[in-house]
């Protein structure tokens, strides 16, 4: 078993929080939700009308100080690596790549 990733869109910082442009659709993590996200809580992901579409959270990597931003929208998992997330959050970079996670299905064995 393993996994693969494919490019899914971009993450940008706006005055109101973060915008995720995924396959032509925009999803938002609003500023008040960013505060929760940065304090190890889940944050709501909303669409343009403000309706909840999913959740985001920061996932630990090798060290407790390094995290990916993981987002679940419509049963799809999207990942923004920590360096890109950090640069966008600190406005050192305008945008970064969002990757979609694809688990590999185990091979079916025949008898």
N, C-alpha and C. Protein backbone atom coordinates (compact mmCIF):
# COMPACT_ATOMS: atom_id res chain seq x y z
N UNK A 1 0.84 -1.18 0.00
CA UNK A 1 0.00 0.00 0.00
C UNK A 1 0.88 1.24 0.00
N UNK A 2 0.38 2.32 -0.51
CA UNK A 2 1.09 3.59 -0.56
C UNK A 2 0.12 4.67 -0.95
N UNK A 3 0.67 5.76 -1.45
CA UNK A 3 -0.19 6.86 -1.87
C UNK A 3 0.50 7.64 -2.97
N UNK A 4 -0.28 8.43 -3.66
CA UNK A 4 0.23 9.35 -4.66
C UNK A 4 -0.45 10.69 -4.45
N UNK A 5 0.13 11.71 -5.06
CA UNK A 5 -0.41 13.06 -4.97
C UNK A 5 -0.46 13.65 -6.38
N UNK A 6 -1.46 14.48 -6.62
CA UNK A 6 -1.53 15.20 -7.89
C UNK A 6 -1.80 16.67 -7.59
N UNK A 7 -1.33 17.54 -8.48
CA UNK A 7 -1.60 18.96 -8.31
C UNK A 7 -3.10 19.19 -8.44
N UNK A 8 -3.67 19.93 -7.48
CA UNK A 8 -5.11 20.14 -7.47
C UNK A 8 -5.49 21.61 -7.59
N UNK A 9 -4.61 22.52 -7.21
CA UNK A 9 -4.96 23.93 -7.26
C UNK A 9 -3.92 24.77 -6.55
N UNK A 10 -4.34 25.97 -6.13
CA UNK A 10 -3.43 26.88 -5.43
C UNK A 10 -4.09 27.44 -4.18
N UNK A 11 -3.25 27.77 -3.22
CA UNK A 11 -3.65 28.41 -1.97
C UNK A 11 -3.11 29.83 -1.98
N UNK A 12 -3.98 30.81 -1.68
CA UNK A 12 -3.58 32.22 -1.63
C UNK A 12 -4.07 32.83 -0.33
N UNK A 13 -3.38 33.86 0.11
CA UNK A 13 -3.78 34.64 1.29
C UNK A 13 -4.58 35.83 0.79
N UNK A 14 -5.69 36.13 1.45
CA UNK A 14 -6.46 37.32 1.14
C UNK A 14 -6.64 38.10 2.42
N UNK A 15 -7.21 39.28 2.32
CA UNK A 15 -7.47 40.08 3.51
C UNK A 15 -8.46 39.42 4.46
N UNK A 16 -9.23 38.47 3.95
CA UNK A 16 -10.25 37.81 4.77
C UNK A 16 -9.85 36.40 5.19
N UNK A 17 -8.63 35.97 4.89
CA UNK A 17 -8.19 34.63 5.26
C UNK A 17 -7.42 33.96 4.14
N UNK A 18 -7.76 32.69 3.87
CA UNK A 18 -7.13 31.93 2.80
C UNK A 18 -8.17 31.56 1.76
N UNK A 19 -7.77 31.53 0.51
CA UNK A 19 -8.64 31.04 -0.55
C UNK A 19 -7.93 29.86 -1.21
N UNK A 20 -8.67 28.78 -1.42
CA UNK A 20 -8.16 27.60 -2.10
C UNK A 20 -8.90 27.50 -3.43
N UNK A 21 -8.16 27.63 -4.51
CA UNK A 21 -8.73 27.48 -5.85
C UNK A 21 -8.44 26.05 -6.28
N UNK A 22 -9.48 25.21 -6.27
CA UNK A 22 -9.33 23.80 -6.59
C UNK A 22 -10.25 23.49 -7.77
N UNK A 23 -9.66 23.13 -8.89
CA UNK A 23 -10.42 22.75 -10.10
C UNK A 23 -11.46 23.81 -10.47
N UNK A 24 -11.09 25.09 -10.36
CA UNK A 24 -11.99 26.16 -10.76
C UNK A 24 -13.00 26.58 -9.71
N UNK A 25 -13.08 25.86 -8.59
CA UNK A 25 -13.99 26.23 -7.49
C UNK A 25 -13.16 26.89 -6.38
N UNK A 26 -13.73 27.89 -5.74
CA UNK A 26 -13.03 28.57 -4.65
C UNK A 26 -13.62 28.17 -3.31
N UNK A 27 -12.73 27.87 -2.38
CA UNK A 27 -13.09 27.53 -1.00
C UNK A 27 -12.28 28.44 -0.09
N UNK A 28 -12.86 28.78 1.07
CA UNK A 28 -12.25 29.78 1.94
C UNK A 28 -12.09 29.27 3.36
N UNK A 29 -10.98 29.66 3.99
CA UNK A 29 -10.80 29.56 5.43
C UNK A 29 -10.74 31.01 5.90
N UNK A 30 -11.80 31.45 6.56
CA UNK A 30 -11.92 32.86 6.95
C UNK A 30 -10.96 33.20 8.08
N UNK A 31 -10.66 34.49 8.20
CA UNK A 31 -9.68 34.98 9.18
C UNK A 31 -9.95 34.46 10.59
N UNK A 32 -11.21 34.50 11.04
CA UNK A 32 -11.51 34.02 12.40
C UNK A 32 -11.26 32.52 12.53
N UNK A 33 -11.40 31.78 11.45
CA UNK A 33 -11.10 30.35 11.45
C UNK A 33 -9.59 30.10 11.43
N UNK A 34 -8.84 31.02 10.82
CA UNK A 34 -7.38 30.88 10.80
C UNK A 34 -6.82 30.90 12.21
N UNK A 35 -7.40 31.69 13.08
CA UNK A 35 -6.94 31.74 14.48
C UNK A 35 -7.10 30.37 15.13
N UNK A 36 -8.23 29.72 14.89
CA UNK A 36 -8.45 28.38 15.44
C UNK A 36 -7.44 27.40 14.83
N UNK A 37 -7.25 27.48 13.53
CA UNK A 37 -6.32 26.59 12.84
C UNK A 37 -4.92 26.71 13.43
N UNK A 38 -4.47 27.91 13.70
CA UNK A 38 -3.14 28.14 14.24
C UNK A 38 -3.01 27.71 15.70
N UNK A 39 -4.14 27.43 16.35
CA UNK A 39 -4.14 26.96 17.74
C UNK A 39 -4.56 25.49 17.83
N UNK A 40 -4.15 24.71 16.80
CA UNK A 40 -4.37 23.27 16.77
C UNK A 40 -5.83 22.85 16.86
N UNK A 41 -6.71 23.63 16.26
CA UNK A 41 -8.12 23.27 16.18
C UNK A 41 -8.50 23.16 14.70
N UNK A 42 -9.59 22.47 14.44
CA UNK A 42 -10.08 22.38 13.07
C UNK A 42 -10.72 23.71 12.67
N UNK A 43 -10.65 24.02 11.39
CA UNK A 43 -11.23 25.25 10.87
C UNK A 43 -12.23 24.88 9.78
N UNK A 44 -13.35 25.58 9.74
CA UNK A 44 -14.35 25.35 8.70
C UNK A 44 -13.83 25.88 7.36
N UNK A 45 -14.15 25.15 6.31
CA UNK A 45 -13.89 25.57 4.94
C UNK A 45 -15.26 25.87 4.34
N UNK A 46 -15.41 27.07 3.78
CA UNK A 46 -16.71 27.48 3.26
C UNK A 46 -16.61 27.82 1.78
N UNK A 47 -17.76 27.81 1.11
CA UNK A 47 -17.81 28.21 -0.29
C UNK A 47 -18.07 29.71 -0.37
N UNK A 48 -18.26 30.21 -1.58
CA UNK A 48 -18.47 31.64 -1.81
C UNK A 48 -19.69 32.17 -1.07
N UNK A 49 -20.73 31.34 -0.89
CA UNK A 49 -21.95 31.76 -0.20
C UNK A 49 -21.83 31.65 1.32
N UNK A 50 -20.68 31.16 1.82
CA UNK A 50 -20.49 31.02 3.26
C UNK A 50 -20.99 29.71 3.81
N UNK A 51 -21.38 28.78 2.94
CA UNK A 51 -21.85 27.48 3.38
C UNK A 51 -20.67 26.55 3.61
N UNK A 52 -20.74 25.76 4.69
CA UNK A 52 -19.64 24.86 5.02
C UNK A 52 -19.47 23.78 3.96
N UNK A 53 -18.23 23.61 3.50
CA UNK A 53 -17.90 22.62 2.49
C UNK A 53 -16.97 21.54 3.03
N UNK A 54 -16.28 21.84 4.13
CA UNK A 54 -15.32 20.88 4.66
C UNK A 54 -14.59 21.42 5.87
N UNK A 55 -13.46 20.78 6.18
CA UNK A 55 -12.65 21.14 7.34
C UNK A 55 -11.18 21.19 6.97
N UNK A 56 -10.42 22.02 7.67
CA UNK A 56 -8.96 22.07 7.55
C UNK A 56 -8.36 21.91 8.92
N UNK A 57 -7.16 21.34 8.96
CA UNK A 57 -6.42 21.21 10.20
C UNK A 57 -4.95 21.14 9.87
N UNK A 58 -4.11 21.39 10.87
CA UNK A 58 -2.66 21.29 10.68
C UNK A 58 -2.23 19.92 11.19
N UNK A 59 -1.57 19.17 10.32
CA UNK A 59 -1.15 17.80 10.63
C UNK A 59 0.32 17.77 10.98
N UNK A 60 0.67 17.09 12.06
CA UNK A 60 2.09 17.00 12.41
C UNK A 60 2.87 16.18 11.38
N UNK A 61 4.11 16.59 11.17
CA UNK A 61 5.02 15.82 10.33
C UNK A 61 6.04 15.15 11.24
N UNK A 62 7.30 15.19 10.87
CA UNK A 62 8.35 14.55 11.66
C UNK A 62 8.49 15.24 13.02
N UNK A 63 8.42 16.52 13.05
CA UNK A 63 8.58 17.30 14.27
C UNK A 63 7.26 17.97 14.62
N UNK A 64 7.01 18.18 15.88
CA UNK A 64 5.78 18.84 16.31
C UNK A 64 5.69 20.27 15.77
N UNK A 65 6.83 20.87 15.43
CA UNK A 65 6.84 22.24 14.94
C UNK A 65 6.50 22.34 13.46
N UNK A 66 6.59 21.24 12.72
CA UNK A 66 6.32 21.27 11.29
C UNK A 66 4.99 20.61 11.02
N UNK A 67 4.14 21.25 10.21
CA UNK A 67 2.81 20.73 9.94
C UNK A 67 2.43 20.97 8.49
N UNK A 68 1.61 20.08 7.96
CA UNK A 68 0.96 20.30 6.68
C UNK A 68 -0.42 20.84 6.97
N UNK A 69 -0.96 21.61 6.06
CA UNK A 69 -2.37 21.97 6.16
C UNK A 69 -3.13 20.90 5.38
N UNK A 70 -3.98 20.18 6.06
CA UNK A 70 -4.78 19.12 5.45
C UNK A 70 -6.22 19.60 5.40
N UNK A 71 -6.86 19.40 4.26
CA UNK A 71 -8.24 19.85 4.06
C UNK A 71 -9.07 18.70 3.50
N UNK A 72 -10.24 18.51 4.06
CA UNK A 72 -11.18 17.51 3.58
C UNK A 72 -12.39 18.24 3.00
N UNK A 73 -12.61 18.06 1.69
CA UNK A 73 -13.74 18.67 1.00
C UNK A 73 -14.38 17.58 0.13
N UNK A 74 -15.65 17.34 0.34
CA UNK A 74 -16.38 16.36 -0.47
C UNK A 74 -15.64 15.04 -0.62
N UNK A 75 -15.16 14.51 0.49
CA UNK A 75 -14.48 13.21 0.56
C UNK A 75 -13.15 13.18 -0.19
N UNK A 76 -12.61 14.35 -0.53
CA UNK A 76 -11.29 14.44 -1.13
C UNK A 76 -10.36 15.08 -0.11
N UNK A 77 -9.13 14.58 -0.05
CA UNK A 77 -8.14 15.11 0.89
C UNK A 77 -7.12 15.92 0.11
N UNK A 78 -6.91 17.17 0.56
CA UNK A 78 -5.97 18.08 -0.07
C UNK A 78 -4.89 18.46 0.94
N UNK A 79 -3.66 18.58 0.46
CA UNK A 79 -2.51 18.85 1.32
C UNK A 79 -1.76 20.07 0.80
N UNK A 80 -1.38 20.95 1.72
CA UNK A 80 -0.45 22.04 1.42
C UNK A 80 0.74 21.82 2.33
N UNK A 81 1.94 21.66 1.75
CA UNK A 81 3.10 21.39 2.60
C UNK A 81 3.42 22.59 3.49
N UNK A 82 4.06 22.30 4.61
CA UNK A 82 4.32 23.34 5.61
C UNK A 82 5.13 24.52 5.08
N UNK A 83 6.23 24.29 4.35
CA UNK A 83 6.98 25.47 3.89
C UNK A 83 6.14 26.41 3.03
N UNK A 84 5.35 25.86 2.11
CA UNK A 84 4.49 26.71 1.27
C UNK A 84 3.41 27.40 2.07
N UNK A 85 2.77 26.66 2.98
CA UNK A 85 1.74 27.23 3.85
C UNK A 85 2.32 28.39 4.66
N UNK A 86 3.49 28.17 5.25
CA UNK A 86 4.13 29.18 6.09
C UNK A 86 4.46 30.44 5.29
N UNK A 87 4.99 30.26 4.08
CA UNK A 87 5.34 31.43 3.26
C UNK A 87 4.10 32.22 2.86
N UNK A 88 3.01 31.54 2.54
CA UNK A 88 1.76 32.23 2.19
C UNK A 88 1.20 32.94 3.42
N UNK A 89 1.20 32.27 4.57
CA UNK A 89 0.67 32.88 5.79
C UNK A 89 1.44 34.15 6.17
N UNK A 90 2.75 34.15 5.97
CA UNK A 90 3.57 35.31 6.32
C UNK A 90 3.74 36.27 5.15
N UNK A 91 2.98 36.02 4.07
CA UNK A 91 2.97 36.88 2.89
C UNK A 91 4.34 37.03 2.25
N UNK A 92 5.19 35.99 2.41
CA UNK A 92 6.48 35.96 1.73
C UNK A 92 6.32 35.45 0.30
N UNK A 93 5.17 34.87 0.03
CA UNK A 93 4.89 34.27 -1.27
C UNK A 93 3.40 34.47 -1.53
N UNK A 94 3.03 34.74 -2.78
CA UNK A 94 1.62 35.02 -3.11
C UNK A 94 0.74 33.78 -3.07
N UNK A 95 1.26 32.64 -3.52
CA UNK A 95 0.47 31.42 -3.54
C UNK A 95 1.37 30.19 -3.48
N UNK A 96 0.77 29.03 -3.22
CA UNK A 96 1.49 27.77 -3.20
C UNK A 96 0.57 26.68 -3.72
N UNK A 97 1.15 25.55 -4.06
CA UNK A 97 0.43 24.45 -4.67
C UNK A 97 -0.35 23.64 -3.63
N UNK A 98 -1.57 23.28 -4.00
CA UNK A 98 -2.38 22.34 -3.23
C UNK A 98 -2.30 21.01 -3.97
N UNK A 99 -2.02 19.94 -3.23
CA UNK A 99 -1.96 18.59 -3.82
C UNK A 99 -3.15 17.78 -3.31
N UNK A 100 -3.68 16.93 -4.18
CA UNK A 100 -4.73 16.02 -3.78
C UNK A 100 -4.10 14.68 -3.45
N UNK A 101 -4.49 14.11 -2.33
CA UNK A 101 -3.99 12.83 -1.86
C UNK A 101 -4.81 11.70 -2.48
N UNK A 102 -4.11 10.70 -3.01
CA UNK A 102 -4.76 9.53 -3.60
C UNK A 102 -4.19 8.27 -2.95
N UNK A 103 -4.94 7.61 -2.08
CA UNK A 103 -4.42 6.35 -1.53
C UNK A 103 -4.41 5.30 -2.64
N UNK A 104 -3.39 4.47 -2.63
CA UNK A 104 -3.35 3.37 -3.60
C UNK A 104 -4.14 2.21 -3.03
N UNK A 105 -4.97 1.64 -3.85
CA UNK A 105 -5.79 0.52 -3.42
C UNK A 105 -4.92 -0.73 -3.38
N UNK A 106 -5.11 -1.59 -2.38
CA UNK A 106 -4.34 -2.82 -2.34
C UNK A 106 -4.68 -3.71 -3.53
N UNK A 107 -3.68 -4.40 -4.03
CA UNK A 107 -3.88 -5.29 -5.16
C UNK A 107 -4.80 -6.45 -4.75
N UNK A 108 -5.68 -6.81 -5.64
CA UNK A 108 -6.58 -7.95 -5.39
C UNK A 108 -5.86 -9.21 -5.83
N UNK A 109 -5.82 -10.16 -4.94
CA UNK A 109 -5.18 -11.43 -5.28
C UNK A 109 -6.24 -12.44 -5.70
N UNK A 110 -5.89 -13.23 -6.69
CA UNK A 110 -6.82 -14.27 -7.17
C UNK A 110 -6.35 -15.62 -6.69
N UNK A 111 -7.29 -16.50 -6.43
CA UNK A 111 -6.95 -17.86 -6.01
C UNK A 111 -6.95 -18.80 -7.18
